[in-house]
Amino acid sequence: KKLSEKGQVIEKPLDVIKDPYILEFLGL
């Protein structure tokens, strides 16, 4: 819910983790 109110807030290590990361721009 906070994502819709404040966007992505970086306060702890887990906040920067995505699963999965999407690397389609690599062209592989």
PDB file of all heavy atoms in Angstrom:
ATOM      1  N   LYS A   1       0.833  -1.204   0.000  1.00  0.00           N
ATOM      2  CA  LYS A   1       0.000   0.000   0.000  1.00  0.00           C
ATOM      3  C   LYS A   1       0.867   1.253   0.000  1.00  0.00           C
ATOM      4  O   LYS A   1       0.552   2.250  -0.659  1.00  0.00           O
ATOM      5  CB  LYS A   1      -0.940  -0.014   1.207  1.00  0.00           C
ATOM      6  CG  LYS A   1      -1.952   1.129   1.214  1.00  0.00           C
ATOM      7  CD  LYS A   1      -2.892   1.041   0.024  1.00  0.00           C
ATOM      8  CE  LYS A   1      -3.912   2.173   0.030  1.00  0.00           C
ATOM      9  NZ  LYS A   1      -4.752   2.141  -1.194  1.00  0.00           N
ATOM     10  N   LYS A   2       1.976   1.211   0.719  1.00  0.00           N
ATOM     11  CA  LYS A   2       2.876   2.364   0.784  1.00  0.00           C
ATOM     12  C   LYS A   2       3.474   2.698  -0.585  1.00  0.00           C
ATOM     13  O   LYS A   2       3.809   3.849  -0.856  1.00  0.00           O
ATOM     14  CB  LYS A   2       3.999   2.100   1.795  1.00  0.00           C
ATOM     15  CG  LYS A   2       3.538   2.151   3.247  1.00  0.00           C
ATOM     16  CD  LYS A   2       4.712   1.901   4.187  1.00  0.00           C
ATOM     17  CE  LYS A   2       4.251   1.907   5.643  1.00  0.00           C
ATOM     18  NZ  LYS A   2       5.388   1.614   6.553  1.00  0.00           N
ATOM     19  N   LEU A   3       3.634   1.663  -1.440  1.00  0.00           N
ATOM     20  CA  LEU A   3       4.160   1.907  -2.778  1.00  0.00           C
ATOM     21  C   LEU A   3       3.280   2.895  -3.536  1.00  0.00           C
ATOM     22  O   LEU A   3       3.767   3.735  -4.290  1.00  0.00           O
ATOM     23  CB  LEU A   3       4.263   0.593  -3.569  1.00  0.00           C
ATOM     24  CG  LEU A   3       5.395  -0.359  -3.222  1.00  0.00           C
ATOM     25  CD1 LEU A   3       5.251  -1.641  -4.027  1.00  0.00           C
ATOM     26  CD2 LEU A   3       6.748   0.275  -3.472  1.00  0.00           C
ATOM     27  N   SER A   4       1.969   2.779  -3.351  1.00  0.00           N
ATOM     28  CA  SER A   4       1.038   3.659  -4.059  1.00  0.00           C
ATOM     29  C   SER A   4       0.959   5.040  -3.429  1.00  0.00           C
ATOM     30  O   SER A   4       0.468   5.985  -4.053  1.00  0.00           O
ATOM     31  CB  SER A   4      -0.364   3.030  -4.077  1.00  0.00           C
ATOM     32  OG  SER A   4      -0.905   2.984  -2.772  1.00  0.00           O
ATOM     33  N   GLU A   5       1.444   5.168  -2.199  1.00  0.00           N
ATOM     34  CA  GLU A   5       1.371   6.454  -1.503  1.00  0.00           C
ATOM     35  C   GLU A   5       2.678   7.238  -1.575  1.00  0.00           C
ATOM     36  O   GLU A   5       2.669   8.459  -1.632  1.00  0.00           O
ATOM     37  CB  GLU A   5       1.002   6.213  -0.035  1.00  0.00           C
ATOM     38  CG  GLU A   5      -0.375   5.568   0.143  1.00  0.00           C
ATOM     39  CD  GLU A   5      -0.617   5.099   1.559  1.00  0.00           C
ATOM     40  OE1 GLU A   5       0.365   5.080   2.342  1.00  0.00           O
ATOM     41  OE2 GLU A   5      -1.761   4.760   1.890  1.00  0.00           O
ATOM     42  N   LYS A   6       3.812   6.506  -1.596  1.00  0.00           N
ATOM     43  CA  LYS A   6       5.111   7.179  -1.550  1.00  0.00           C
ATOM     44  C   LYS A   6       6.063   6.755  -2.665  1.00  0.00           C
ATOM     45  O   LYS A   6       7.135   7.333  -2.811  1.00  0.00           O
ATOM     46  CB  LYS A   6       5.782   6.905  -0.197  1.00  0.00           C
ATOM     47  CG  LYS A   6       4.993   7.419   0.997  1.00  0.00           C
ATOM     48  CD  LYS A   6       5.714   7.110   2.296  1.00  0.00           C
ATOM     49  CE  LYS A   6       4.929   7.623   3.498  1.00  0.00           C
ATOM     50  NZ  LYS A   6       5.626   7.322   4.779  1.00  0.00           N
ATOM     51  N   GLY A   7       5.685   5.721  -3.437  1.00  0.00           N
ATOM     52  CA  GLY A   7       6.615   5.186  -4.420  1.00  0.00           C
ATOM     53  C   GLY A   7       7.627   4.280  -3.743  1.00  0.00           C
ATOM     54  O   GLY A   7       7.408   3.814  -2.620  1.00  0.00           O
ATOM     55  N   GLN A   8       8.744   4.030  -4.399  1.00  0.00           N
ATOM     56  CA  GLN A   8       9.769   3.158  -3.830  1.00  0.00           C
ATOM     57  C   GLN A   8      10.622   3.946  -2.840  1.00  0.00           C
ATOM     58  O   GLN A   8      11.286   4.912  -3.197  1.00  0.00           O
ATOM     59  CB  GLN A   8      10.666   2.578  -4.932  1.00  0.00           C
ATOM     60  CG  GLN A   8      11.676   1.561  -4.410  1.00  0.00           C
ATOM     61  CD  GLN A   8      12.609   1.051  -5.490  1.00  0.00           C
ATOM     62  OE1 GLN A   8      12.645   1.596  -6.589  1.00  0.00           O
ATOM     63  NE2 GLN A   8      13.370   0.023  -5.181  1.00  0.00           N
ATOM     64  N   VAL A   9      10.586   3.525  -1.576  1.00  0.00           N
ATOM     65  CA  VAL A   9      11.376   4.171  -0.534  1.00  0.00           C
ATOM     66  C   VAL A   9      12.506   3.230  -0.131  1.00  0.00           C
ATOM     67  O   VAL A   9      12.267   2.064   0.196  1.00  0.00           O
ATOM     68  CB  VAL A   9      10.512   4.505   0.701  1.00  0.00           C
ATOM     69  CG1 VAL A   9      11.362   5.144   1.794  1.00  0.00           C
ATOM     70  CG2 VAL A   9       9.366   5.429   0.299  1.00  0.00           C
ATOM     71  N   ILE A  10      13.750   3.722  -0.176  1.00  0.00           N
ATOM     72  CA  ILE A  10      14.920   2.902   0.142  1.00  0.00           C
ATOM     73  C   ILE A  10      15.343   3.172   1.579  1.00  0.00           C
ATOM     74  O   ILE A  10      15.901   4.218   1.898  1.00  0.00           O
ATOM     75  CB  ILE A  10      16.096   3.211  -0.807  1.00  0.00           C
ATOM     76  CG1 ILE A  10      15.653   3.127  -2.271  1.00  0.00           C
ATOM     77  CG2 ILE A  10      17.262   2.282  -0.543  1.00  0.00           C
ATOM     78  CD1 ILE A  10      15.189   1.766  -2.700  1.00  0.00           C
ATOM     79  N   GLU A  11      15.058   2.226   2.464  1.00  0.00           N
ATOM     80  CA  GLU A  11      15.412   2.371   3.879  1.00  0.00           C
ATOM     81  C   GLU A  11      16.233   1.198   4.400  1.00  0.00           C
ATOM     82  O   GLU A  11      16.981   1.343   5.363  1.00  0.00           O
ATOM     83  CB  GLU A  11      14.144   2.513   4.728  1.00  0.00           C
ATOM     84  CG  GLU A  11      13.348   3.775   4.431  1.00  0.00           C
ATOM     85  CD  GLU A  11      12.068   3.862   5.237  1.00  0.00           C
ATOM     86  OE1 GLU A  11      11.501   2.802   5.594  1.00  0.00           O
ATOM     87  OE2 GLU A  11      11.634   4.991   5.508  1.00  0.00           O
ATOM     88  N   LYS A  12      16.081   0.038   3.777  1.00  0.00           N
ATOM     89  CA  LYS A  12      16.797  -1.160   4.229  1.00  0.00           C
ATOM     90  C   LYS A  12      17.203  -1.968   2.993  1.00  0.00           C
ATOM     91  O   LYS A  12      16.669  -1.764   1.897  1.00  0.00           O
ATOM     92  CB  LYS A  12      15.915  -1.986   5.161  1.00  0.00           C
ATOM     93  CG  LYS A  12      14.578  -2.392   4.572  1.00  0.00           C
ATOM     94  CD  LYS A  12      13.734  -3.096   5.631  1.00  0.00           C
ATOM     95  CE  LYS A  12      12.403  -3.586   5.047  1.00  0.00           C
ATOM     96  NZ  LYS A  12      11.564  -2.480   4.539  1.00  0.00           N
ATOM     97  N   PRO A  13      18.174  -2.886   3.130  1.00  0.00           N
ATOM     98  CA  PRO A  13      18.669  -3.641   1.977  1.00  0.00           C
ATOM     99  C   PRO A  13      17.585  -4.306   1.135  1.00  0.00           C
ATOM    100  O   PRO A  13      17.652  -4.282  -0.094  1.00  0.00           O
ATOM    101  CB  PRO A  13      19.593  -4.687   2.625  1.00  0.00           C
ATOM    102  CG  PRO A  13      20.096  -4.011   3.849  1.00  0.00           C
ATOM    103  CD  PRO A  13      18.944  -3.185   4.353  1.00  0.00           C
ATOM    104  N   LEU A  14      16.576  -4.878   1.792  1.00  0.00           N
ATOM    105  CA  LEU A  14      15.531  -5.590   1.055  1.00  0.00           C
ATOM    106  C   LEU A  14      14.776  -4.661   0.104  1.00  0.00           C
ATOM    107  O   LEU A  14      14.206  -5.115  -0.894  1.00  0.00           O
ATOM    108  CB  LEU A  14      14.559  -6.247   2.037  1.00  0.00           C
ATOM    109  CG  LEU A  14      13.564  -7.258   1.438  1.00  0.00           C
ATOM    110  CD1 LEU A  14      14.305  -8.415   0.763  1.00  0.00           C
ATOM    111  CD2 LEU A  14      12.628  -7.790   2.517  1.00  0.00           C
ATOM    112  N   ASP A  15      14.782  -3.354   0.381  1.00  0.00           N
ATOM    113  CA  ASP A  15      14.037  -2.401  -0.447  1.00  0.00           C
ATOM    114  C   ASP A  15      14.606  -2.273  -1.860  1.00  0.00           C
ATOM    115  O   ASP A  15      13.915  -1.797  -2.760  1.00  0.00           O
ATOM    116  CB  ASP A  15      14.024  -1.015   0.217  1.00  0.00           C
ATOM    117  CG  ASP A  15      13.191  -0.990   1.486  1.00  0.00           C
ATOM    118  OD1 ASP A  15      12.273  -1.832   1.610  1.00  0.00           O
ATOM    119  OD2 ASP A  15      13.456  -0.148   2.362  1.00  0.00           O
ATOM    120  N   VAL A  16      15.869  -2.644  -2.049  1.00  0.00           N
ATOM    121  CA  VAL A  16      16.466  -2.505  -3.390  1.00  0.00           C
ATOM    122  C   VAL A  16      16.396  -3.805  -4.193  1.00  0.00           C
ATOM    123  O   VAL A  16      16.787  -3.842  -5.354  1.00  0.00           O
ATOM    124  CB  VAL A  16      17.942  -2.038  -3.317  1.00  0.00           C
ATOM    125  CG1 VAL A  16      18.051  -0.704  -2.608  1.00  0.00           C
ATOM    126  CG2 VAL A  16      18.827  -3.097  -2.664  1.00  0.00           C
ATOM    127  N   ILE A  17      15.904  -4.880  -3.565  1.00  0.00           N
ATOM    128  CA  ILE A  17      15.899  -6.184  -4.219  1.00  0.00           C
ATOM    129  C   ILE A  17      14.647  -6.370  -5.057  1.00  0.00           C
ATOM    130  O   ILE A  17      13.539  -6.123  -4.611  1.00  0.00           O
ATOM    131  CB  ILE A  17      16.005  -7.328  -3.183  1.00  0.00           C
ATOM    132  CG1 ILE A  17      17.280  -7.166  -2.348  1.00  0.00           C
ATOM    133  CG2 ILE A  17      15.993  -8.685  -3.877  1.00  0.00           C
ATOM    134  CD1 ILE A  17      18.559  -7.192  -3.141  1.00  0.00           C
ATOM    135  N   LYS A  18      14.847  -6.840  -6.305  1.00  0.00           N
ATOM    136  CA  LYS A  18      13.726  -7.241  -7.153  1.00  0.00           C
ATOM    137  C   LYS A  18      13.919  -8.724  -7.487  1.00  0.00           C
ATOM    138  O   LYS A  18      15.044  -9.211  -7.548  1.00  0.00           O
ATOM    139  CB  LYS A  18      13.710  -6.440  -8.458  1.00  0.00           C
ATOM    140  CG  LYS A  18      13.626  -4.948  -8.289  1.00  0.00           C
ATOM    141  CD  LYS A  18      13.455  -4.287  -9.660  1.00  0.00           C
ATOM    142  CE  LYS A  18      13.474  -2.779  -9.533  1.00  0.00           C
ATOM    143  NZ  LYS A  18      14.788  -2.215  -9.798  1.00  0.00           N
ATOM    144  N   ASP A  19      12.827  -9.403  -7.695  1.00  0.00           N
ATOM    145  CA  ASP A  19      12.918 -10.815  -8.076  1.00  0.00           C
ATOM    146  C   ASP A  19      11.763 -11.145  -9.019  1.00  0.00           C
ATOM    147  O   ASP A  19      10.624 -11.285  -8.579  1.00  0.00           O
ATOM    148  CB  ASP A  19      12.859 -11.704  -6.838  1.00  0.00           C
ATOM    149  CG  ASP A  19      13.323 -13.139  -7.114  1.00  0.00           C
ATOM    150  OD1 ASP A  19      13.759 -13.390  -8.262  1.00  0.00           O
ATOM    151  OD2 ASP A  19      13.254 -13.975  -6.208  1.00  0.00           O
ATOM    152  N   PRO A  20      12.006 -11.224 -10.319  1.00  0.00           N
ATOM    153  CA  PRO A  20      13.315 -11.194 -10.968  1.00  0.00           C
ATOM    154  C   PRO A  20      13.736  -9.793 -11.413  1.00  0.00           C
ATOM    155  O   PRO A  20      12.938  -8.866 -11.408  1.00  0.00           O
ATOM    156  CB  PRO A  20      13.078 -12.072 -12.203  1.00  0.00           C
ATOM    157  CG  PRO A  20      11.657 -11.750 -12.576  1.00  0.00           C
ATOM    158  CD  PRO A  20      10.925 -11.590 -11.271  1.00  0.00           C
ATOM    159  N   TYR A  21      15.014  -9.682 -11.794  1.00  0.00           N
ATOM    160  CA  TYR A  21      15.489  -8.523 -12.536  1.00  0.00           C
ATOM    161  C   TYR A  21      15.246  -8.807 -14.013  1.00  0.00           C
ATOM    162  O   TYR A  21      15.443  -9.937 -14.473  1.00  0.00           O
ATOM    163  CB  TYR A  21      16.981  -8.285 -12.293  1.00  0.00           C
ATOM    164  CG  TYR A  21      17.287  -7.691 -10.940  1.00  0.00           C
ATOM    165  CD1 TYR A  21      17.448  -8.504  -9.816  1.00  0.00           C
ATOM    166  CD2 TYR A  21      17.404  -6.318 -10.780  1.00  0.00           C
ATOM    167  CE1 TYR A  21      17.717  -7.966  -8.564  1.00  0.00           C
ATOM    168  CE2 TYR A  21      17.676  -5.764  -9.534  1.00  0.00           C
ATOM    169  CZ  TYR A  21      17.832  -6.590  -8.428  1.00  0.00           C
ATOM    170  OH  TYR A  21      18.085  -6.051  -7.199  1.00  0.00           O
ATOM    171  N   ILE A  22      14.824  -7.793 -14.752  1.00  0.00           N
ATOM    172  CA  ILE A  22      14.535  -7.986 -16.179  1.00  0.00           C
ATOM    173  C   ILE A  22      15.619  -7.312 -17.011  1.00  0.00           C
ATOM    174  O   ILE A  22      15.798  -6.092 -16.961  1.00  0.00           O
ATOM    175  CB  ILE A  22      13.151  -7.402 -16.548  1.00  0.00           C
ATOM    176  CG1 ILE A  22      12.087  -7.968 -15.605  1.00  0.00           C
ATOM    177  CG2 ILE A  22      12.810  -7.738 -17.999  1.00  0.00           C
ATOM    178  CD1 ILE A  22      11.956  -9.473 -15.628  1.00  0.00           C
ATOM    179  N   LEU A  23      16.348  -8.116 -17.781  1.00  0.00           N
ATOM    180  CA  LEU A  23      17.491  -7.623 -18.557  1.00  0.00           C
ATOM    181  C   LEU A  23      17.251  -7.777 -20.054  1.00  0.00           C
ATOM    182  O   LEU A  23      18.148  -8.151 -20.801  1.00  0.00           O
ATOM    183  CB  LEU A  23      18.762  -8.375 -18.141  1.00  0.00           C
ATOM    184  CG  LEU A  23      19.059  -8.447 -16.632  1.00  0.00           C
ATOM    185  CD1 LEU A  23      20.361  -9.199 -16.386  1.00  0.00           C
ATOM    186  CD2 LEU A  23      19.117  -7.057 -16.015  1.00  0.00           C
ATOM    187  N   GLU A  24      16.036  -7.462 -20.484  1.00  0.00           N
ATOM    188  CA  GLU A  24      15.705  -7.632 -21.897  1.00  0.00           C
ATOM    189  C   GLU A  24      16.522  -6.705 -22.788  1.00  0.00           C
ATOM    190  O   GLU A  24      16.756  -6.979 -23.971  1.00  0.00           O
ATOM    191  CB  GLU A  24      14.200  -7.425 -22.122  1.00  0.00           C
ATOM    192  CG  GLU A  24      13.737  -6.027 -22.457  1.00  0.00           C
ATOM    193  CD  GLU A  24      13.886  -5.043 -21.302  1.00  0.00           C
ATOM    194  OE1 GLU A  24      14.150  -5.454 -20.164  1.00  0.00           O
ATOM    195  OE2 GLU A  24      13.739  -3.838 -21.548  1.00  0.00           O
ATOM    196  N   PHE A  25      17.009  -5.585 -22.234  1.00  0.00           N
ATOM    197  CA  PHE A  25      17.779  -4.613 -23.017  1.00  0.00           C
ATOM    198  C   PHE A  25      19.158  -5.140 -23.420  1.00  0.00           C
ATOM    199  O   PHE A  25      19.838  -4.550 -24.249  1.00  0.00           O
ATOM    200  CB  PHE A  25      17.933  -3.309 -22.228  1.00  0.00           C
ATOM    201  CG  PHE A  25      18.431  -3.502 -20.819  1.00  0.00           C
ATOM    202  CD1 PHE A  25      19.782  -3.652 -20.548  1.00  0.00           C
ATOM    203  CD2 PHE A  25      17.538  -3.551 -19.763  1.00  0.00           C
ATOM    204  CE1 PHE A  25      20.237  -3.841 -19.256  1.00  0.00           C
ATOM    205  CE2 PHE A  25      17.977  -3.733 -18.452  1.00  0.00           C
ATOM    206  CZ  PHE A  25      19.330  -3.876 -18.197  1.00  0.00           C
ATOM    207  N   LEU A  26      19.589  -6.269 -22.829  1.00  0.00           N
ATOM    208  CA  LEU A  26      20.878  -6.855 -23.203  1.00  0.00           C
ATOM    209  C   LEU A  26      20.835  -7.503 -24.579  1.00  0.00           C
ATOM    210  O   LEU A  26      21.874  -7.744 -25.194  1.00  0.00           O
ATOM    211  CB  LEU A  26      21.312  -7.899 -22.169  1.00  0.00           C
ATOM    212  CG  LEU A  26      21.491  -7.411 -20.719  1.00  0.00           C
ATOM    213  CD1 LEU A  26      21.972  -8.557 -19.842  1.00  0.00           C
ATOM    214  CD2 LEU A  26      22.447  -6.244 -20.661  1.00  0.00           C
ATOM    215  N   GLY A  27      19.629  -7.818 -25.047  1.00  0.00           N
ATOM    216  CA  GLY A  27      19.499  -8.428 -26.366  1.00  0.00           C
ATOM    217  C   GLY A  27      19.907  -9.886 -26.402  1.00  0.00           C
ATOM    218  O   GLY A  27      20.246 -10.419 -27.455  1.00  0.00           O
ATOM    219  N   LEU A  28      19.872 -10.564 -25.257  1.00  0.00           N
ATOM    220  CA  LEU A  28      20.220 -11.988 -25.190  1.00  0.00           C
ATOM    221  C   LEU A  28      18.950 -12.829 -25.265  1.00  0.00           C
ATOM    222  O   LEU A  28      18.128 -12.778 -24.348  1.00  0.00           O
ATOM    223  CB  LEU A  28      20.960 -12.300 -23.881  1.00  0.00           C
ATOM    224  CG  LEU A  28      22.355 -11.711 -23.712  1.00  0.00           C
ATOM    225  CD1 LEU A  28      22.828 -11.884 -22.276  1.00  0.00           C
ATOM    226  CD2 LEU A  28      23.337 -12.364 -24.674  1.00  0.00           C
TER     227      LEU A  28
END
